[in-house]
Amino acid sequence: MVNQPFLSASEVSAAVAEYGTPLYLYDFHKMESKYTQLQQHLPTNFTILYTLKANSNLSLCSKFARLGAGADISSRGELDTALKVGISPKQITFTGPGKSNLELKSALQVGIGTIVLESANEARRLNDLAEQEGIKQDVLIRINPRYRTSQSCEIREKGYQCGNNSNTDSSQPELTIQLIATSASKFGVDEDRVPQALQTIANCAHLNLKGIHIFTESNVLDYKQLLASWENTIAIANQLNDRGYHISVIDFGGGIGIPYNRVDPEFDTRAFGKELQQIFDRNPYQYSCVVEIGRYLVGEAGCYLTEVIDIKESQGQKFIILDGGVHQLLRLSMKPASKYMEVLGRGGRYSEKATLGGKLPTPLDIMVEDVMVPADISIGDRLVIYNCGAYGFNHSLTNFALHNYPAEVAYGNGKIHLIRERGKIADFFSNQTFPIREMYNPELATSDPNETR
């Protein structure tokens, strides 16, 4: 299947004409379509949580709240966002390492549905806080599995080589994708230490263990790879039940990917859901299941628009300098994804290689290298970079060099809506105060330490 841009060139151009660049543009219809598609094909024992870390704009979160999604949050700020858009506390799951006591207490006080524990120490801290609040909190334990697929996100990031591995445990279920031994992780409890962690939780009178959470895959396009990972997770839950632990909930995390070009196939949700149902049909235990989805729901529904402000050459290499940059679209290991772009209004051949650089005073501000552009690209041309709806605005170096935040707009019901105003220089001074100015010049002292010039 060839992937097509989500909005027409005229719709994109209209947004740029009204709101300028740099700009994030979203298609609410695309978001709803992706949510509906996922809901239709996942087995009926699944609950969908929207992952706020992908994009926490209030309008986007509100869209998924109205569609019936719960929320996967990883901070107090995301908790407040989920509540603000109307998601019930019981539909919220708090995941991620390093939860502070203040964050945990806030979650308990609003009556959050589930908290995912990352360690025995976190279990003890949460138990003490739950005792203070006089409640018993439902929890999951996150497990760092002994085996994962050879294309798992942490393994890719650490540079492991794919291929046969002689350490593969023959007691594991037969999987469609080879599993290889994993390494240390900051996430969760190592699989071989889970029994000790479960005993710790059992000793915590104010915690109610419901199940397990395992999340190892990221942006998977081959549904069989993700199916292999999830089947391994089900096997771990089964083994714990066999040992007498009551596991009724499995949180699979996410992992369903999107293509970042026009040639890769989309994730086959229909086949994935069908084969996943077959696994559950023959499984000895029944589970209520959770999936945390962000990128799949919003990634393809967003694009980033930026304007060419300079063109230059250095040692035979063409550089196109944009009015955007990594302060607004930071992709790190996903830089090649920014090759999924086009120059608005420029037809014909994309025949020259160029490097797209932003306006920040650092050599790190390179958005993509060796991207093909039209030979006649000119200053003032606008570029649209596709599939930026997830991990775009939220993941960028927004304060670098104090350039204004980009505006965010969305199409819905045939109209364009402003959902975040463009930032102002004054925004950078919010919540700041001068130091005690007597340190520098006593004559500048005032009775109001917050007074600014």
Protein backbone atom coordinates (compact mmCIF):
# COMPACT_ATOMS: atom_id res chain seq x y z
CA MET A 1 0.00 0.00 0.00
CA VAL A 2 1.34 3.43 -0.92
CA ASN A 3 0.78 6.03 1.77
CA GLN A 4 -0.63 9.38 0.70
CA PRO A 5 -0.46 12.75 2.45
CA PHE A 6 -3.38 13.21 4.80
CA LEU A 7 -4.60 16.62 3.57
CA SER A 8 -4.65 18.16 0.13
CA ALA A 9 -2.04 20.70 -0.97
CA SER A 10 -4.71 23.40 -1.07
CA GLU A 11 -5.75 22.71 2.55
CA VAL A 12 -2.14 22.79 3.71
CA SER A 13 -1.48 26.00 1.76
CA ALA A 14 -4.58 27.60 3.26
CA ALA A 15 -3.36 26.86 6.77
CA VAL A 16 0.05 28.37 6.00
CA ALA A 17 -1.51 31.45 4.44
CA GLU A 18 -3.60 32.10 7.54
CA TYR A 19 -1.17 31.15 10.30
CA GLY A 20 2.32 31.34 8.76
CA THR A 21 5.29 29.14 9.52
CA PRO A 22 6.62 27.29 11.42
CA LEU A 23 3.36 25.50 12.05
CA TYR A 24 1.95 22.18 13.20
CA LEU A 25 -1.17 21.09 11.33
CA TYR A 26 -3.41 18.18 12.36
CA ASP A 27 -6.28 16.31 10.74
CA PHE A 28 -8.91 15.32 13.32
CA HIS A 29 -10.72 13.10 10.82
CA LYS A 30 -7.56 11.02 10.39
CA MET A 31 -7.27 10.60 14.16
CA GLU A 32 -10.83 9.36 14.46
CA SER A 33 -10.36 6.99 11.53
CA LYS A 34 -7.26 5.44 13.12
CA TYR A 35 -8.98 5.06 16.48
CA THR A 36 -12.03 3.43 14.90
CA GLN A 37 -9.86 1.08 12.87
CA LEU A 38 -7.96 -0.05 15.94
CA GLN A 39 -11.13 -0.44 17.97
CA GLN A 40 -12.75 -2.56 15.28
CA HIS A 41 -9.87 -5.00 14.87
CA LEU A 42 -8.58 -5.52 18.41
CA PRO A 43 -10.27 -8.34 20.36
CA THR A 44 -13.19 -7.24 22.51
CA ASN A 45 -11.26 -7.84 25.75
CA PHE A 46 -9.07 -4.78 24.97
CA THR A 47 -9.24 -1.26 26.38
CA ILE A 48 -7.53 1.56 24.43
CA LEU A 49 -5.54 4.20 26.31
CA TYR A 50 -4.33 7.30 24.49
CA THR A 51 -0.67 7.93 25.35
CA LEU A 52 -0.36 11.60 26.19
CA LYS A 53 3.42 11.70 25.77
CA ALA A 54 2.90 11.40 22.01
CA ASN A 55 1.00 14.71 21.88
CA SER A 56 -0.64 16.32 24.90
CA ASN A 57 -2.41 19.22 23.14
CA LEU A 58 -5.74 19.68 24.92
CA SER A 59 -7.76 19.55 21.71
CA LEU A 60 -6.22 16.24 20.64
CA CYS A 61 -6.65 14.71 24.08
CA SER A 62 -10.25 15.92 24.18
CA LYS A 63 -10.88 14.27 20.80
CA PHE A 64 -9.88 10.86 22.15
CA ALA A 65 -11.76 11.40 25.38
CA ARG A 66 -14.96 11.93 23.35
CA LEU A 67 -14.20 8.77 21.37
CA GLY A 68 -14.09 6.82 24.63
CA ALA A 69 -10.36 6.31 25.12
CA GLY A 70 -8.72 6.21 28.51
CA ALA A 71 -5.33 7.80 29.15
CA ASP A 72 -1.78 6.56 29.68
CA ILE A 73 0.04 9.26 31.66
CA SER A 74 3.59 9.59 32.97
CA SER A 75 3.55 12.82 34.99
CA ARG A 76 1.44 15.12 37.15
CA GLY A 77 1.09 17.47 34.18
CA GLU A 78 -0.31 14.69 32.00
CA LEU A 79 -2.61 13.62 34.83
CA ASP A 80 -4.07 17.12 35.04
CA THR A 81 -4.40 17.24 31.25
CA ALA A 82 -6.34 13.98 31.13
CA LEU A 83 -8.69 15.16 33.88
CA LYS A 84 -9.11 18.57 32.26
CA VAL A 85 -10.41 17.04 29.01
CA GLY A 86 -12.92 14.88 30.85
CA ILE A 87 -11.25 11.47 31.08
CA SER A 88 -12.47 9.65 34.19
CA PRO A 89 -9.75 8.98 36.80
CA LYS A 90 -10.71 5.29 36.67
CA GLN A 91 -9.76 5.28 32.96
CA ILE A 92 -6.24 6.57 33.66
CA THR A 93 -3.11 4.43 34.03
CA PHE A 94 0.06 5.98 35.46
CA THR A 95 3.18 4.45 33.86
CA GLY A 96 6.88 5.23 33.73
CA PRO A 97 9.92 5.13 36.02
CA GLY A 98 10.83 7.71 38.64
CA LYS A 99 7.38 8.64 39.92
CA SER A 100 7.81 11.04 42.82
CA ASN A 101 5.87 10.79 46.06
CA LEU A 102 4.10 14.03 45.16
CA GLU A 103 3.00 12.59 41.82
CA LEU A 104 1.86 9.33 43.38
CA LYS A 105 -0.06 11.13 46.12
CA SER A 106 -1.80 13.33 43.54
CA ALA A 107 -2.82 10.25 41.57
CA LEU A 108 -4.19 8.57 44.68
CA GLN A 109 -6.14 11.64 45.71
CA VAL A 110 -8.01 11.89 42.40
CA GLY A 111 -8.88 8.18 42.47
CA ILE A 112 -6.71 7.01 39.57
CA GLY A 113 -7.60 3.63 38.12
CA THR A 114 -4.22 1.92 37.86
CA ILE A 115 -0.61 2.63 38.76
CA VAL A 116 2.16 0.60 37.10
CA LEU A 117 4.96 -0.25 39.51
CA GLU A 118 8.53 -0.18 38.22
CA SER A 119 10.28 -1.62 41.28
CA ALA A 120 9.84 -3.08 44.74
CA ASN A 121 10.90 0.25 46.23
CA GLU A 122 8.17 2.05 44.32
CA ALA A 123 5.68 -0.51 45.64
CA ARG A 124 6.69 0.23 49.23
CA ARG A 125 6.48 4.00 48.70
CA LEU A 126 3.07 3.75 47.07
CA ASN A 127 1.80 1.47 49.83
CA ASP A 128 2.81 3.99 52.49
CA LEU A 129 1.06 6.80 50.61
CA ALA A 130 -2.06 4.71 50.02
CA GLU A 131 -2.17 3.92 53.74
CA GLN A 132 -2.04 7.64 54.51
CA GLU A 133 -4.95 8.20 52.13
CA GLY A 134 -6.87 5.25 53.56
CA ILE A 135 -7.33 3.46 50.23
CA LYS A 136 -6.29 0.27 48.47
CA GLN A 137 -4.81 1.00 45.04
CA ASP A 138 -4.98 -1.26 41.98
CA VAL A 139 -1.51 -1.82 40.51
CA LEU A 140 0.31 -3.63 37.74
CA ILE A 141 3.94 -4.65 37.85
CA ARG A 142 6.12 -3.81 34.85
CA ILE A 143 8.38 -6.66 33.79
CA ASN A 144 11.63 -6.47 31.86
CA PRO A 145 11.27 -9.75 29.93
CA ARG A 146 14.10 -12.23 29.59
CA TYR A 147 13.48 -12.44 25.86
CA ARG A 148 12.19 -10.00 23.30
CA THR A 149 12.13 -9.79 19.52
CA SER A 150 15.34 -9.02 17.71
CA GLN A 151 13.90 -5.69 16.55
CA SER A 152 12.83 -4.52 20.02
CA CYS A 153 13.34 -0.78 20.59
CA GLU A 154 15.93 -1.01 23.38
CA ILE A 155 17.91 -3.65 21.50
CA ARG A 156 17.96 -1.48 18.36
CA GLU A 157 19.05 1.56 20.36
CA LYS A 158 21.89 -0.37 22.01
CA GLY A 159 23.18 -1.65 18.69
CA TYR A 160 22.53 -5.34 19.10
CA GLN A 161 22.83 -7.48 16.00
CA CYS A 162 19.83 -9.45 14.83
CA GLY A 163 20.09 -13.13 14.04
CA ASN A 164 20.21 -16.51 15.70
CA ASN A 165 20.99 -16.60 19.38
CA SER A 166 22.03 -19.80 21.04
CA ASN A 167 20.69 -18.63 24.40
CA THR A 168 17.06 -18.76 23.29
CA ASP A 169 15.05 -20.69 25.90
CA SER A 170 13.43 -23.75 24.35
CA SER A 171 10.67 -23.59 26.96
CA GLN A 172 9.36 -20.39 25.43
CA PRO A 173 6.37 -20.69 23.07
CA GLU A 174 6.98 -21.11 19.37
CA LEU A 175 6.94 -17.57 17.99
CA THR A 176 6.80 -16.15 14.51
CA ILE A 177 9.78 -13.85 15.09
CA GLN A 178 12.96 -14.97 16.82
CA LEU A 179 13.36 -13.89 20.44
CA ILE A 180 16.83 -13.00 21.70
CA ALA A 181 18.23 -12.45 25.16
CA THR A 182 17.77 -8.92 26.44
CA SER A 183 20.04 -6.64 28.42
CA ALA A 184 19.69 -4.43 31.48
CA SER A 185 16.89 -1.88 31.39
CA LYS A 186 15.78 1.06 33.51
CA PHE A 187 12.20 -0.12 32.99
CA GLY A 188 10.48 -2.60 35.24
CA VAL A 189 11.61 -5.63 37.21
CA ASP A 190 13.77 -8.27 35.57
CA GLU A 191 11.71 -11.34 34.76
CA ASP A 192 13.76 -13.64 36.99
CA ARG A 193 13.18 -11.29 39.96
CA VAL A 194 9.43 -11.00 39.53
CA PRO A 195 8.55 -13.57 42.25
CA GLN A 196 10.41 -11.51 44.88
CA ALA A 197 8.73 -8.31 43.67
CA LEU A 198 5.31 -9.97 43.79
CA GLN A 199 5.97 -11.07 47.35
CA THR A 200 6.79 -7.48 48.25
CA ILE A 201 3.48 -6.35 46.75
CA ALA A 202 1.64 -9.14 48.56
CA ASN A 203 3.04 -7.78 51.82
CA CYS A 204 1.67 -4.31 51.03
CA ALA A 205 -1.81 -4.22 52.54
CA HIS A 206 -2.84 -1.13 50.57
CA LEU A 207 -1.91 -2.45 47.10
CA ASN A 208 -4.08 -4.71 44.97
CA LEU A 209 -2.10 -6.51 42.26
CA LYS A 210 -4.20 -6.87 39.11
CA GLY A 211 -1.65 -7.92 36.51
CA ILE A 212 1.48 -7.21 34.50
CA HIS A 213 2.77 -4.58 32.09
CA ILE A 214 5.37 -5.35 29.41
CA PHE A 215 6.34 -2.84 26.72
CA THR A 216 9.39 -3.56 24.56
CA GLU A 217 8.46 -2.80 20.94
CA SER A 218 8.26 0.60 19.24
CA ASN A 219 6.98 1.66 15.83
CA VAL A 220 6.54 -1.87 14.48
CA LEU A 221 5.21 -2.24 10.93
CA ASP A 222 5.42 -6.05 10.66
CA TYR A 223 2.43 -7.23 12.68
CA LYS A 224 4.00 -10.68 13.16
CA GLN A 225 6.88 -9.10 15.10
CA LEU A 226 4.51 -7.40 17.51
CA LEU A 227 2.38 -10.54 17.73
CA ALA A 228 5.49 -12.49 18.77
CA SER A 229 6.25 -9.98 21.51
CA TRP A 230 2.69 -9.99 22.80
CA GLU A 231 2.51 -13.80 22.71
CA ASN A 232 5.62 -13.86 24.88
CA THR A 233 3.89 -11.49 27.29
CA ILE A 234 0.84 -13.77 27.46
CA ALA A 235 3.17 -16.72 28.14
CA ILE A 236 4.71 -14.84 31.08
CA ALA A 237 1.25 -14.07 32.49
CA ASN A 238 0.30 -17.74 32.08
CA GLN A 239 3.43 -18.90 33.89
CA LEU A 240 2.67 -16.59 36.82
CA ASN A 241 -0.89 -17.90 37.01
CA ASP A 242 0.46 -21.45 36.89
CA ARG A 243 2.56 -20.60 39.96
CA GLY A 244 -0.49 -19.40 41.87
CA TYR A 245 -0.34 -15.66 41.29
CA HIS A 246 -3.70 -14.19 40.28
CA ILE A 247 -2.98 -12.25 37.07
CA SER A 248 -6.13 -10.99 35.38
CA VAL A 249 -4.91 -7.87 33.52
CA ILE A 250 -2.22 -7.56 30.84
CA ASP A 251 -1.02 -4.14 29.71
CA PHE A 252 0.86 -4.69 26.44
CA GLY A 253 2.09 -1.11 26.14
CA GLY A 254 2.06 0.00 22.51
CA GLY A 255 4.29 -0.68 19.54
CA ILE A 256 1.95 -0.40 16.55
CA GLY A 257 3.86 1.70 14.05
CA ILE A 258 3.33 4.02 11.12
CA PRO A 259 5.38 4.28 7.91
CA TYR A 260 7.59 7.34 7.48
CA ASN A 261 7.65 7.21 3.69
CA ARG A 262 5.35 6.50 0.76
CA VAL A 263 6.44 2.92 0.10
CA ASP A 264 6.41 0.96 3.38
CA PRO A 265 3.22 -0.98 4.07
CA GLU A 266 0.96 0.08 6.89
CA PHE A 267 0.59 -2.10 9.99
CA ASP A 268 -2.04 -4.75 9.25
CA THR A 269 -4.45 -4.23 12.15
CA ARG A 270 -6.98 -6.66 10.66
CA ALA A 271 -4.57 -9.62 10.47
CA PHE A 272 -3.01 -8.68 13.80
CA GLY A 273 -6.35 -8.61 15.58
CA LYS A 274 -7.50 -11.86 13.97
CA GLU A 275 -4.39 -13.82 14.96
CA LEU A 276 -4.34 -12.25 18.41
CA GLN A 277 -7.91 -13.43 18.96
CA GLN A 278 -6.86 -16.95 17.97
CA ILE A 279 -4.14 -16.86 20.64
CA PHE A 280 -6.68 -15.86 23.29
CA ASP A 281 -9.18 -18.49 22.08
CA ARG A 282 -6.75 -21.31 22.83
CA ASN A 283 -5.21 -19.74 25.95
CA PRO A 284 -5.93 -21.45 29.30
CA TYR A 285 -6.51 -18.14 31.10
CA GLN A 286 -8.74 -15.19 30.32
CA TYR A 287 -7.40 -11.65 30.59
CA SER A 288 -8.62 -8.08 30.45
CA CYS A 289 -6.12 -6.35 28.18
CA VAL A 290 -4.85 -2.81 27.77
CA VAL A 291 -3.02 -1.17 24.89
CA GLU A 292 -1.30 2.24 25.19
CA ILE A 293 -1.36 3.92 21.81
CA GLY A 294 -0.02 7.31 20.75
CA ARG A 295 1.98 7.30 17.54
CA TYR A 296 -0.50 5.11 15.63
CA LEU A 297 -3.40 7.41 16.50
CA VAL A 298 -1.86 10.83 15.89
CA GLY A 299 1.43 10.38 14.01
CA GLU A 300 0.01 10.30 10.49
CA ALA A 301 -2.56 12.97 11.37
CA GLY A 302 0.01 15.73 11.81
CA CYS A 303 2.56 17.58 9.71
CA TYR A 304 5.12 20.32 10.32
CA LEU A 305 5.35 23.30 7.97
CA THR A 306 8.41 25.47 7.64
CA GLU A 307 9.80 28.05 5.19
CA VAL A 308 13.15 28.25 3.36
CA ILE A 309 14.98 31.35 4.55
CA ASP A 310 18.42 30.70 3.03
CA ILE A 311 20.18 28.39 0.56
CA LYS A 312 23.94 27.94 0.57
CA GLU A 313 26.72 25.53 -0.34
CA SER A 314 29.68 24.30 1.70
CA GLN A 315 32.36 22.06 0.21
CA GLY A 316 30.01 20.84 -2.46
CA GLN A 317 27.13 20.16 -0.06
CA LYS A 318 23.85 22.03 -0.43
CA PHE A 319 22.30 23.43 2.74
CA ILE A 320 18.72 24.63 3.00
CA ILE A 321 18.18 26.79 6.07
CA LEU A 322 14.65 26.79 7.46
CA ASP A 323 12.75 29.06 9.82
CA GLY A 324 12.11 25.97 11.96
CA GLY A 325 14.56 23.53 13.48
CA VAL A 326 15.11 20.94 16.20
CA HIS A 327 13.75 23.37 18.78
CA GLN A 328 10.36 22.53 17.23
CA LEU A 329 10.91 19.11 15.62
CA LEU A 330 13.58 17.02 17.34
CA ARG A 331 13.79 13.45 16.06
CA LEU A 332 17.23 12.22 17.17
CA SER A 333 17.46 8.63 15.88
CA MET A 334 14.40 9.22 13.68
CA LYS A 335 16.04 11.88 11.49
CA PRO A 336 15.43 9.89 8.27
CA ALA A 337 11.71 10.22 8.97
CA SER A 338 12.00 13.87 7.94
CA LYS A 339 12.70 12.74 4.38
CA TYR A 340 8.96 12.11 4.14
CA MET A 341 8.36 15.67 2.90
CA GLU A 342 7.60 17.81 -0.09
CA VAL A 343 7.99 21.39 -1.24
CA LEU A 344 4.60 23.02 -1.61
CA GLY A 345 3.76 24.05 -5.16
CA ARG A 346 6.88 22.51 -6.66
CA GLY A 347 6.09 19.75 -9.09
CA GLY A 348 8.55 17.89 -11.27
CA ARG A 349 11.63 15.97 -10.26
CA TYR A 350 13.24 15.99 -6.85
CA SER A 351 16.70 15.67 -8.32
CA GLU A 352 19.20 17.24 -5.91
CA LYS A 353 20.45 16.12 -2.53
CA ALA A 354 20.45 18.64 0.29
CA THR A 355 20.73 18.98 4.05
CA LEU A 356 17.87 20.64 5.89
CA GLY A 357 19.13 22.77 8.75
CA GLY A 358 17.29 24.97 11.21
CA LYS A 359 18.02 28.45 12.51
CA LEU A 360 19.60 27.55 15.84
CA PRO A 361 23.23 28.60 16.49
CA THR A 362 24.45 25.01 16.89
CA PRO A 363 25.68 22.33 14.48
CA LEU A 364 23.23 19.93 16.15
CA ASP A 365 20.35 21.71 14.42
CA ILE A 366 20.21 19.43 11.39
CA MET A 367 16.75 18.12 10.63
CA VAL A 368 17.75 15.66 7.90
CA GLU A 369 20.67 14.94 5.57
CA ASP A 370 20.70 13.72 1.98
CA VAL A 371 17.07 14.54 1.29
CA MET A 372 15.99 14.97 -2.33
CA VAL A 373 14.66 18.40 -3.25
CA PRO A 374 13.72 20.13 -6.53
CA ALA A 375 16.65 21.71 -8.36
CA ASP A 376 14.78 25.02 -8.46
CA ILE A 377 13.94 25.20 -4.76
CA SER A 378 14.04 28.84 -3.69
CA ILE A 379 14.05 31.10 -0.67
CA GLY A 380 10.45 31.56 0.43
CA ASP A 381 9.35 28.05 -0.54
CA ARG A 382 7.38 26.17 2.10
CA LEU A 383 8.20 22.59 3.11
CA VAL A 384 5.73 20.17 4.62
CA ILE A 385 7.20 17.31 6.66
CA TYR A 386 4.66 14.53 7.11
CA ASN A 387 3.85 12.23 10.03
CA CYS A 388 4.78 14.68 12.77
CA GLY A 389 1.62 14.38 14.82
CA ALA A 390 3.38 12.25 17.44
CA TYR A 391 6.64 13.14 19.20
CA GLY A 392 6.86 16.50 17.44
CA PHE A 393 5.86 19.52 19.47
CA ASN A 394 6.19 17.68 22.80
CA HIS A 395 9.69 16.32 22.22
CA SER A 396 11.52 19.37 20.97
CA LEU A 397 14.09 21.77 22.44
CA THR A 398 11.50 24.51 22.74
CA ASN A 399 13.61 26.94 24.80
CA PHE A 400 16.78 26.77 22.71
CA ALA A 401 17.75 30.30 21.61
CA LEU A 402 14.31 31.56 22.74
CA HIS A 403 12.57 31.32 19.40
CA ASN A 404 8.78 31.46 19.60
CA TYR A 405 6.81 28.25 19.93
CA PRO A 406 5.03 27.24 16.71
CA ALA A 407 1.27 27.56 16.47
CA GLU A 408 -0.87 24.44 16.22
CA VAL A 409 -3.97 24.28 14.03
CA ALA A 410 -6.35 21.49 13.08
CA TYR A 411 -8.84 20.62 10.37
CA GLY A 412 -12.20 19.30 11.47
CA ASN A 413 -15.64 19.40 9.91
CA GLY A 414 -14.25 21.20 6.88
CA LYS A 415 -12.86 24.11 8.86
CA ILE A 416 -9.50 25.10 10.24
CA HIS A 417 -9.24 25.72 13.97
CA LEU A 418 -6.47 27.35 15.99
CA ILE A 419 -5.72 24.99 18.90
CA ARG A 420 -2.54 26.67 20.23
CA GLU A 421 -1.52 30.26 19.60
CA ARG A 422 1.97 31.00 18.36
CA GLY A 423 4.27 31.70 21.27
CA LYS A 424 5.34 35.19 22.26
CA ILE A 425 8.73 36.37 23.49
CA ALA A 426 7.10 37.31 26.79
CA ASP A 427 6.29 33.62 27.36
CA PHE A 428 9.94 32.88 28.06
CA PHE A 429 9.93 35.24 31.04
CA SER A 430 6.92 33.64 32.69
CA ASN A 431 7.68 32.28 36.17
CA GLN A 432 11.11 33.92 36.22
CA THR A 433 12.33 36.48 38.75
CA PHE A 434 15.50 38.52 38.87
CA PRO A 435 18.01 37.53 41.55
CA ILE A 436 18.51 39.87 44.49
CA ARG A 437 19.71 42.88 42.57
CA GLU A 438 21.58 44.33 45.52
CA MET A 439 24.16 41.67 44.66
CA TYR A 440 25.02 43.65 41.56
CA ASN A 441 24.15 47.23 42.45
CA PRO A 442 22.48 48.30 45.70
CA GLU A 443 21.07 51.36 43.96
CA LEU A 444 18.84 49.09 41.88
CA ALA A 445 17.17 47.55 44.91
CA THR A 446 13.40 47.92 45.09
CA SER A 447 10.79 46.93 47.62
CA ASP A 448 9.32 44.51 45.08
CA PRO A 449 11.80 41.70 44.25
CA ASN A 450 9.64 40.61 41.32
CA GLU A 451 9.68 43.96 39.58
CA THR A 452 11.24 43.74 36.12
CA ARG A 453 12.42 46.36 33.69
